[in-house]
Protein backbone atom coordinates (compact mmCIF):
# COMPACT_ATOMS: atom_id res chain seq x y z
CA MET A 1 69.28 124.87 92.88
CA SER A 2 67.83 128.27 92.02
CA PHE A 3 66.18 130.66 94.45
CA LYS A 4 62.89 129.94 92.66
CA ASP A 5 63.18 126.19 93.36
CA TRP A 6 63.98 126.75 97.05
CA LYS A 7 60.98 129.05 97.33
CA LYS A 8 58.80 126.39 95.69
CA LEU A 9 60.02 123.78 98.18
CA SER A 10 59.33 126.03 101.18
CA ASN A 11 55.82 126.75 99.93
CA LEU A 12 55.04 123.06 99.41
CA ILE A 13 56.23 122.26 102.96
CA PHE A 14 54.23 125.18 104.38
CA GLU A 15 51.11 124.00 102.53
CA GLY A 16 51.59 120.45 103.82
CA LYS A 17 52.11 118.97 100.39
CA ILE A 18 55.72 117.95 101.18
CA ASN A 19 56.64 116.27 104.45
CA LYS A 20 59.23 113.81 105.82
CA HIS A 21 57.39 110.86 104.29
CA ASN A 22 57.20 112.08 100.68
CA PHE A 23 60.15 114.52 100.62
CA THR A 24 62.11 112.38 98.16
CA SER A 25 59.36 112.82 95.57
CA PHE A 26 60.22 116.53 95.21
CA ASP A 27 61.59 116.87 91.67
CA LYS A 28 64.69 118.77 92.83
CA TYR A 29 65.51 116.40 95.71
CA ASP A 30 68.96 115.41 94.41
CA VAL A 31 69.86 119.04 93.71
CA ILE A 32 68.91 120.05 97.27
CA MET A 33 71.15 117.38 98.75
CA SER A 34 73.99 118.39 96.42
CA ASP A 35 73.64 122.10 97.30
CA ILE A 36 73.94 121.42 101.02
CA ALA A 37 76.67 118.77 100.63
CA LEU A 38 78.84 121.22 98.70
CA ASN A 39 78.63 123.76 101.52
CA ILE A 40 78.70 121.57 104.62
CA LYS A 41 82.26 120.23 104.46
CA LYS A 42 83.91 123.45 105.65
CA TYR A 43 81.98 123.23 108.93
CA GLY A 44 83.63 119.95 109.83
CA TYR A 45 80.69 117.73 110.81
CA TYR A 46 79.06 115.81 107.99
CA THR A 47 78.43 112.35 106.63
CA TYR A 48 77.38 111.60 103.07
CA ASP A 49 75.06 108.71 103.78
CA GLY A 50 71.45 108.15 104.78
CA ARG A 51 71.99 109.92 108.11
CA PHE A 52 72.86 113.10 106.23
CA GLU A 53 69.72 112.88 104.13
CA ASP A 54 67.54 112.17 107.17
CA CYS A 55 68.96 115.19 108.95
CA VAL A 56 68.45 117.48 105.93
CA ILE A 57 64.85 116.36 105.47
CA ASP A 58 64.05 116.72 109.15
CA PHE A 59 65.66 120.15 109.33
CA LEU A 60 63.96 121.58 106.23
CA CYS A 61 60.54 120.21 107.15
CA LYS A 62 60.77 121.94 110.54
CA LYS A 63 62.27 125.13 109.11
CA TYR A 64 59.62 125.70 106.45
CA VAL A 65 56.58 124.44 108.33
CA SER A 66 55.98 128.12 109.02
CA ARG A 67 56.31 130.76 106.32
CA SER A 68 59.98 131.62 105.69
CA THR A 69 62.01 133.39 103.03
CA ASN A 70 65.41 132.36 104.38
CA PHE A 71 67.14 130.42 101.61
CA ASP A 72 70.77 131.01 102.60
CA ILE A 73 72.26 127.63 101.65
CA ASP A 74 75.50 128.30 103.49
CA HIS A 75 73.63 129.06 106.72
CA ILE A 76 71.43 125.98 106.28
CA ALA A 77 74.53 123.82 105.79
CA LYS A 78 76.08 125.26 108.96
CA GLU A 79 72.97 124.51 111.00
CA ILE A 80 72.75 120.95 109.67
CA SER A 81 76.45 120.42 110.38
CA SER A 82 75.82 121.52 113.95
CA GLN A 83 72.97 119.03 114.28
CA LEU A 84 75.14 116.22 112.92
CA ARG A 85 77.42 116.59 115.96
CA LYS A 86 75.07 114.16 117.66
CA LEU A 87 76.72 111.46 115.53
CA ILE A 88 80.12 111.96 117.21
CA VAL A 89 81.31 108.70 118.77
CA PRO A 90 84.63 107.29 119.99
CA ASN A 91 86.51 105.57 117.16
CA ILE A 92 89.68 103.50 117.15
CA ILE A 93 92.04 103.15 114.22
CA ILE A 94 93.92 99.85 114.62
CA ILE A 95 97.15 99.63 112.61
CA PRO A 96 99.45 96.61 112.40
CA LEU A 97 103.10 97.74 112.54
CA ASN A 98 104.73 95.08 110.40
CA HIS A 99 108.23 94.11 111.57
CA LEU A 100 108.40 96.54 114.48
CA ASN A 101 110.67 94.60 116.82
CA ARG A 102 108.69 93.50 119.88
CA LEU A 103 112.00 92.59 121.55
CA TYR A 104 112.40 96.28 122.42
CA LEU A 105 108.75 97.04 123.22
CA PRO A 106 106.95 96.89 126.55
CA ILE A 107 103.64 95.04 126.44
CA GLU A 108 101.97 98.46 126.01
CA LEU A 109 103.90 101.54 124.96
CA ILE A 110 101.70 104.51 125.89
CA LEU A 111 102.54 107.41 123.57
CA ASP A 112 99.56 109.50 124.63
CA GLU A 113 96.29 108.99 126.49
CA ASN A 114 94.71 108.14 123.12
CA ILE A 115 97.65 106.47 121.33
CA SER A 116 99.26 103.17 122.35
CA ILE A 117 101.45 100.52 120.74
CA PHE A 118 100.79 96.95 121.86
CA SER A 119 103.56 94.40 121.44
CA MET A 120 100.98 91.59 120.91
CA ASN A 121 103.40 89.26 122.66
CA GLU A 122 100.53 87.29 124.21
CA LYS A 123 99.58 83.78 123.13
CA GLU A 124 97.38 83.53 120.05
CA SER A 125 94.63 81.81 122.03
CA LYS A 126 94.54 84.70 124.48
CA ILE A 127 94.38 87.26 121.69
CA ARG A 128 91.57 85.44 119.87
CA ARG A 129 89.52 85.13 123.07
CA ASP A 130 89.70 88.92 123.54
CA LYS A 131 91.89 88.61 126.63
CA SER A 132 94.77 90.69 125.26
CA LEU A 133 95.66 94.21 126.41
CA LEU A 134 94.56 95.49 123.00
CA SER A 135 91.10 93.97 123.45
CA LYS A 136 90.79 95.52 126.91
CA TYR A 137 91.88 98.87 125.46
CA VAL A 138 89.16 98.69 122.81
CA GLU A 139 86.53 97.82 125.43
CA LYS A 140 87.60 100.75 127.58
CA LYS A 141 87.80 103.32 124.79
CA ILE A 142 84.74 102.52 122.64
CA PHE A 143 82.62 100.39 124.99
CA CYS A 144 82.32 97.22 122.93
CA ARG A 145 83.83 93.77 122.49
CA PHE A 146 86.74 93.68 120.06
CA GLY A 147 86.14 90.42 118.20
CA ALA A 148 89.76 89.50 117.44
CA ASP A 149 88.78 86.00 116.30
CA HIS A 150 86.44 87.51 113.70
CA ILE A 151 89.38 89.50 112.28
CA VAL A 152 91.61 86.42 112.00
CA VAL A 153 88.92 84.17 110.49
CA THR A 154 87.24 86.55 108.03
CA LYS A 155 89.57 89.50 107.39
CA ASP A 156 93.28 88.92 107.83
CA PRO A 157 94.91 85.80 109.36
CA TYR A 158 98.16 87.73 109.83
CA PHE A 159 96.64 90.76 111.56
CA PHE A 160 98.22 90.01 114.95
CA ASN A 161 101.64 88.79 113.75
CA TYR A 162 103.31 92.06 114.74
CA PRO A 163 102.81 94.94 117.19
CA ILE A 164 99.71 97.06 116.73
CA MET A 165 99.05 100.76 117.20
CA ALA A 166 95.62 101.87 118.45
CA ILE A 167 94.50 105.49 118.05
CA LYS A 168 91.30 106.72 119.66
CA ILE A 169 89.55 109.64 117.93
CA GLU A 170 86.27 111.29 118.94
CA HIS A 171 84.44 112.24 115.75
CA ILE A 172 81.76 111.16 113.31
CA ASP A 173 82.67 107.66 112.12
CA TYR A 174 82.33 108.60 108.43
CA ILE A 175 84.96 111.34 108.76
CA VAL A 176 87.34 109.12 110.74
CA GLU A 177 87.10 106.46 108.03
CA HIS A 178 87.73 109.15 105.40
CA GLU A 179 90.82 110.55 107.15
CA ALA A 180 92.21 107.19 108.31
CA PRO A 181 94.26 106.38 105.15
CA LYS A 182 96.48 109.45 105.53
CA ILE A 183 96.80 108.94 109.26
CA VAL A 184 97.92 105.35 108.64
CA GLU A 185 100.41 106.50 106.00
CA SER A 186 101.69 109.09 108.48
CA VAL A 187 102.15 106.49 111.24
CA TYR A 188 104.66 104.75 108.95
CA SER A 189 106.03 107.86 107.25
CA ILE A 190 107.04 109.68 110.43
CA MET A 191 108.73 106.57 111.85
CA ARG A 192 110.71 106.26 108.63
CA MET A 193 111.71 109.93 108.54
CA LEU A 194 112.91 109.95 112.14
CA ASP A 195 114.86 106.73 111.53
CA ILE A 196 116.52 107.66 108.24
CA ASP A 197 119.91 108.48 109.83
CA LYS A 198 119.76 105.92 112.65
CA VAL A 199 122.02 102.90 112.98
CA ARG A 200 120.75 99.33 112.98
CA GLU A 201 119.58 97.58 116.11
CA SER A 202 122.41 95.90 117.98
CA THR A 203 120.90 92.45 117.34
CA ASP A 204 120.28 93.04 113.62
CA ARG A 205 122.49 90.84 111.47
CA GLY A 206 121.96 92.97 108.38
CA TRP A 207 119.84 90.67 106.26
CA GLY A 208 116.66 92.72 106.62
CA VAL A 209 113.53 92.47 108.69
CA ARG A 210 111.86 89.75 106.65
CA HIS A 211 114.78 87.44 107.14
CA ARG A 212 114.83 88.29 110.85
CA ASP A 213 111.13 87.83 111.61
CA ARG A 214 109.99 85.25 109.03
CA LEU A 215 106.29 85.97 109.59
CA PRO A 216 103.81 87.16 106.92
CA GLU A 217 102.80 90.82 107.12
CA ALA A 218 99.31 92.02 107.94
CA HIS A 219 97.71 93.53 104.86
CA THR A 220 94.88 95.61 106.30
CA TYR A 221 93.97 98.01 109.06
CA ALA A 222 90.63 98.67 110.74
CA VAL A 223 88.45 101.46 112.07
CA TYR A 224 86.14 100.46 114.92
CA TYR A 225 83.37 102.47 116.55
CA LYS A 226 80.14 101.98 118.44
CA GLU A 227 77.39 103.63 116.47
CA ALA A 228 75.61 106.71 117.78
CA GLY A 229 72.49 105.77 119.72
CA SER A 230 73.92 102.44 120.88
CA ASP A 231 73.96 101.34 124.51
CA PHE A 232 77.38 102.59 125.67
CA LYS A 233 76.91 101.12 129.16
CA ASN A 234 76.78 97.54 127.97
CA LEU A 235 79.71 95.98 126.12
CA ASN A 236 77.49 93.30 124.64
CA GLU A 237 74.70 95.51 123.31
CA GLY A 238 74.46 98.23 120.73
CA GLU A 239 75.55 98.39 117.12
CA LEU A 240 79.27 97.98 116.47
CA GLY A 241 80.55 99.49 113.26
CA TYR A 242 83.84 98.75 111.55
CA SER A 243 85.63 99.39 108.32
CA PHE A 244 88.53 97.29 107.05
CA ARG A 245 90.90 98.89 104.58
CA PHE A 246 93.60 97.34 102.42
CA LYS A 247 96.00 100.18 101.75
CA PHE A 248 98.88 100.74 104.09
CA SER A 249 102.65 100.35 104.00
CA PRO A 250 103.76 96.77 104.57
CA ILE A 251 107.22 96.97 106.19
CA LEU A 252 108.88 98.99 108.96
CA ASP A 253 112.62 98.50 108.59
CA ILE A 254 113.57 100.77 111.49
CA ASN A 255 115.43 100.75 114.79
CA THR A 256 112.62 100.01 117.25
CA GLN A 257 114.89 100.51 120.25
CA LEU A 258 115.71 104.09 119.24
CA LEU A 259 112.04 104.80 118.46
CA VAL A 260 111.10 103.81 122.02
CA GLU A 261 113.93 105.86 123.48
CA ASN A 262 112.95 108.93 121.45
CA GLN A 263 109.19 108.55 121.41
CA LYS A 264 108.41 112.16 122.39
CA LYS A 265 109.22 113.65 118.97
CA TYR A 266 107.34 110.89 117.19
CA THR A 267 104.27 111.36 119.38
CA GLU A 268 104.26 115.14 118.87
CA LEU A 269 104.36 114.79 115.09
CA LEU A 270 101.72 112.06 114.94
CA LYS A 271 99.35 114.03 117.18
CA LEU A 272 99.85 117.05 114.93
CA VAL A 273 98.90 114.95 111.88
CA ILE A 274 95.77 113.74 113.66
CA ASN A 275 94.78 117.24 114.81
CA ASN A 276 95.36 118.75 111.37
CA SER A 277 93.37 115.95 109.74
CA PHE A 278 90.24 117.05 111.60
CA ILE A 279 90.58 120.83 111.68
CA VAL A 280 87.50 122.76 110.59
CA GLU A 281 87.91 125.23 107.74
CA ASP A 282 85.43 127.67 109.25
CA ASP A 283 87.53 127.89 112.45
CA HIS A 284 90.82 128.77 110.74
CA ASP A 285 92.38 131.53 108.73
CA LYS A 286 92.21 130.41 105.09
CA ASN A 287 95.95 130.14 104.50
CA ASP A 288 96.62 128.53 107.87
CA PHE A 289 94.04 125.88 107.00
CA ILE A 290 95.60 125.34 103.55
CA ILE A 291 99.18 124.87 104.74
CA ARG A 292 98.19 122.50 107.55
CA LYS A 293 96.31 120.30 105.09
CA LYS A 294 99.21 120.52 102.63
CA TRP A 295 101.57 119.38 105.36
CA VAL A 296 99.47 116.30 106.14
CA ASN A 297 99.35 115.47 102.42
CA ALA A 298 103.12 115.91 102.18
CA ILE A 299 103.73 113.49 105.05
CA SER A 300 101.63 110.92 103.20
CA ILE A 301 103.37 111.59 99.87
CA PHE A 302 106.77 111.15 101.48
CA ASN A 303 105.79 107.64 102.52
CA THR A 304 105.28 106.74 98.86
CA ALA A 305 108.58 108.40 97.87
CA TYR A 306 110.36 106.34 100.54
CA GLU A 307 108.87 103.13 99.19
CA PHE A 308 109.80 104.01 95.62
CA THR A 309 113.37 104.63 96.81
CA SER A 310 113.44 101.29 98.60
CA ILE A 311 112.89 99.44 95.31
CA GLY A 312 115.19 101.60 93.21
CA LYS A 313 112.51 103.78 91.59
CA PHE A 314 114.65 106.89 92.07
CA ASP A 315 113.07 109.05 89.38
CA SER A 316 109.54 108.45 90.67
CA ALA A 317 110.74 109.22 94.20
CA LEU A 318 112.45 112.39 92.99
CA MET A 319 109.26 113.58 91.32
CA LEU A 320 107.28 113.04 94.51
CA LEU A 321 109.88 114.83 96.65
CA PHE A 322 109.66 117.78 94.25
CA SER A 323 105.88 117.70 94.49
CA ILE A 324 106.20 118.03 98.26
CA LEU A 325 108.44 121.11 97.98
CA GLU A 326 106.27 122.75 95.34
CA SER A 327 103.13 122.21 97.41
CA LEU A 328 104.76 123.72 100.51
CA PHE A 329 106.57 126.62 98.84
CA PHE A 330 104.16 127.57 96.05
CA LYS A 331 100.58 128.76 96.25
CA LEU A 332 97.85 127.53 93.92
CA GLY A 333 98.65 128.51 90.33
CA GLU A 334 102.41 128.64 90.84
CA TYR A 335 104.49 125.76 89.49
CA ASN A 336 107.68 124.90 87.63
CA LYS A 337 109.52 128.04 88.77
CA LYS A 338 112.90 126.68 89.73
CA ASP A 339 114.53 130.02 90.61
CA THR A 340 111.58 130.98 92.81
CA LEU A 341 111.73 127.61 94.58
CA ILE A 342 115.44 128.02 95.29
CA GLU A 343 114.95 131.59 96.55
CA ARG A 344 112.19 130.51 98.93
CA LEU A 345 114.19 127.58 100.24
CA LEU A 346 117.14 129.88 100.94
CA LEU A 347 114.82 132.31 102.72
CA PHE A 348 113.23 129.49 104.73
CA PHE A 349 116.62 128.20 105.93
CA ASN A 350 118.07 131.69 106.40
CA GLY A 351 120.52 131.62 109.29
CA LYS A 352 120.15 127.89 109.89
CA LYS A 353 123.28 125.75 109.77
CA LEU A 354 123.01 122.99 107.20
CA ASP A 355 125.45 120.41 105.87
CA VAL A 356 124.48 121.20 102.32
CA ASP A 357 124.67 124.08 99.84
CA ILE A 358 120.96 124.40 99.02
CA LYS A 359 121.46 126.38 95.83
CA GLU A 360 123.95 123.94 94.31
CA LEU A 361 121.99 120.89 95.46
CA MET A 362 118.74 122.20 93.98
CA LYS A 363 120.39 123.02 90.66
CA ASP A 364 121.64 119.45 90.43
CA VAL A 365 118.39 117.71 91.37
CA ILE A 366 116.37 120.03 89.14
CA LYS A 367 118.68 118.93 86.31
CA TYR A 368 118.02 115.27 87.16
CA ARG A 369 114.28 115.87 87.19
CA ASN A 370 114.28 117.79 83.88
CA GLU A 371 116.35 115.10 82.17
CA PHE A 372 113.83 112.51 83.28
CA VAL A 373 110.72 114.57 82.43
CA HIS A 374 111.88 115.91 79.08
CA GLN A 375 114.36 113.29 77.85
CA ALA A 376 113.29 110.13 79.74
CA ILE A 377 116.88 109.83 80.97
CA GLY A 378 116.78 109.30 84.70
CA LEU A 379 118.78 108.13 87.68
CA GLU A 380 117.34 104.67 87.22
CA ARG A 381 119.76 104.12 84.35
CA PHE A 382 122.31 103.46 87.09
CA LYS A 383 121.71 99.92 88.35
CA THR A 384 122.93 98.17 91.44
CA TYR A 385 125.79 95.76 90.85
CA ARG A 386 123.74 93.07 92.56
CA SER A 387 120.35 92.81 94.23
CA LEU A 388 119.68 95.06 97.20
CA ASN A 389 119.44 91.94 99.30
CA ASP A 390 120.94 88.74 97.94
CA ARG A 391 118.34 86.58 99.66
CA GLU A 392 115.23 88.61 98.81
CA GLY A 393 115.94 91.24 96.18
CA HIS A 394 114.44 94.73 96.32
CA ILE A 395 111.67 94.89 98.93
CA GLN A 396 109.18 97.75 99.11
CA GLY A 397 109.56 99.54 102.41
CA GLN A 398 113.04 98.28 103.21
CA LYS A 399 115.22 101.08 104.56
CA PRO A 400 117.21 102.75 101.75
CA PHE A 401 120.97 103.34 101.70
CA ILE A 402 121.99 100.89 104.45
CA HIS A 403 122.28 97.48 102.82
CA ASP A 404 125.66 96.10 101.79
CA ALA A 405 124.73 95.88 98.14
CA TRP A 406 123.47 99.45 97.85
CA ASN A 407 125.62 101.03 95.16
CA PRO A 408 122.98 102.35 92.78
CA MET A 409 124.67 105.29 91.04
CA PRO A 410 127.87 107.34 90.81
CA GLU A 411 128.96 109.01 94.03
CA LYS A 412 127.78 112.53 93.11
CA GLU A 413 124.28 111.49 92.03
CA PHE A 414 123.99 109.20 95.05
CA ARG A 415 125.03 112.00 97.39
CA ASP A 416 122.63 114.49 95.77
CA PHE A 417 119.65 112.14 95.98
CA ASN A 418 120.47 111.28 99.58
CA LEU A 419 120.86 114.92 100.62
CA PHE A 420 117.70 115.96 98.78
CA MET A 421 115.66 113.33 100.58
CA ARG A 422 117.03 114.50 103.94
CA LEU A 423 116.37 118.14 103.04
CA VAL A 424 112.68 117.32 102.50
CA ILE A 425 112.59 115.42 105.81
CA ASN A 426 114.11 118.41 107.60
CA ILE A 427 111.45 120.73 106.19
CA LEU A 428 108.60 118.39 107.10
CA ILE A 429 109.43 117.40 110.66
CA ASP A 430 112.06 119.69 112.17
CA ASP A 431 109.48 122.29 113.27
CA PRO A 432 106.15 122.28 111.38
CA GLU A 433 104.98 125.51 113.05
CA ILE A 434 107.88 127.39 111.46
CA LEU A 435 106.83 125.97 108.10
CA TYR A 436 103.21 127.03 108.62
CA ASN A 437 104.20 130.57 109.58
CA PHE A 438 106.61 130.84 106.65
CA TYR A 439 103.91 129.83 104.19
CA ILE A 440 101.43 132.34 105.60
CA SER A 441 103.97 135.19 105.76
CA ASN A 442 105.95 134.65 102.56
CA ILE A 443 104.03 132.54 100.06
CA ASP A 444 100.26 132.79 100.15
CA ILE A 445 99.75 136.32 101.49
CA SER A 446 96.59 137.08 99.53
């Protein structure tokens, strides 16, 4: 909205012609909301719903009730963002971990004061009557009844078939709901990355997790919170909010025993994802903010690449793995510079012992990508000699490279794809702080 329109609005408020009750009748109402919405996100506290509009109207009516010529939209957005902090509430993201092996889990695996995995080994009747440890955790963290029976009856009858992760986050519910999909992807993605070189569980007969467990997978996850202004002292009173989502990875074909034994690394990485998901742009150096957000996106993208690999979609997976590297080693506007990418990878790994010749590997996989992009001739032309799993076929999310029937391509191509996937994993999770610093110092130095 123009300076002239803002001045008109302030005059109408000052003259008493516009107030909280008729504010929406102002002919530039939608433009005002858009102006502030465009500026408020970088301050970290916002919600694009009726609460946002109420706060804007209340703020502007108080600001311009006396004569004012301050029309700095950025400053107004910052002040409104500060006022919206009153909407911060405890939230819990509840994520079914399909096929995590409860045989190796305690009844509650505490990863952090705000992150726990519950084995859900209690009887169904106990779970549905909100007598489970998960229900008690929800009551303690967000001060409300869980309502497990409601989930089973109306949302997902398979929700409690497998262990469940609960993550408590203090923030505005709208933002938690917005960031939850990538956090959920990361919960699965990091487990898969850390497990990629691990052996099977000692009790695993090699047929795959579906054959082992024989229970349907949960197909949703939930975000629970008690709405701001509710009675937090009474579990039975106050408004409970929730959001059920239907996008998350269905299968965890990993060694649960080794995950439990090496939980520290997993917890550190997951907490970093959560922290980076809620960082405030105004509080960070521009490039530090950019690379941290890129890293979270890359963790999420890897999850999709892993699932493509699990069903033999090698070319799609290769494209996504390249997208991860280009996002982390190029700044905005740079792309498709293979020599530059190789040079930066060599600089990044300078002095670090690796089991791979980066330059030769990258030349090979760049060739595979270019053949697919420009000639539609990809690695998928090499087919397995039989199904990945004789009993079930290719299953999305099943761990790649470990099944007896996995013989998808000639040895060189197979080795290159395998090494490339592990190279990306190394970059993402070995030490993210080194990656952040490298990006700031060597890539986006503007």
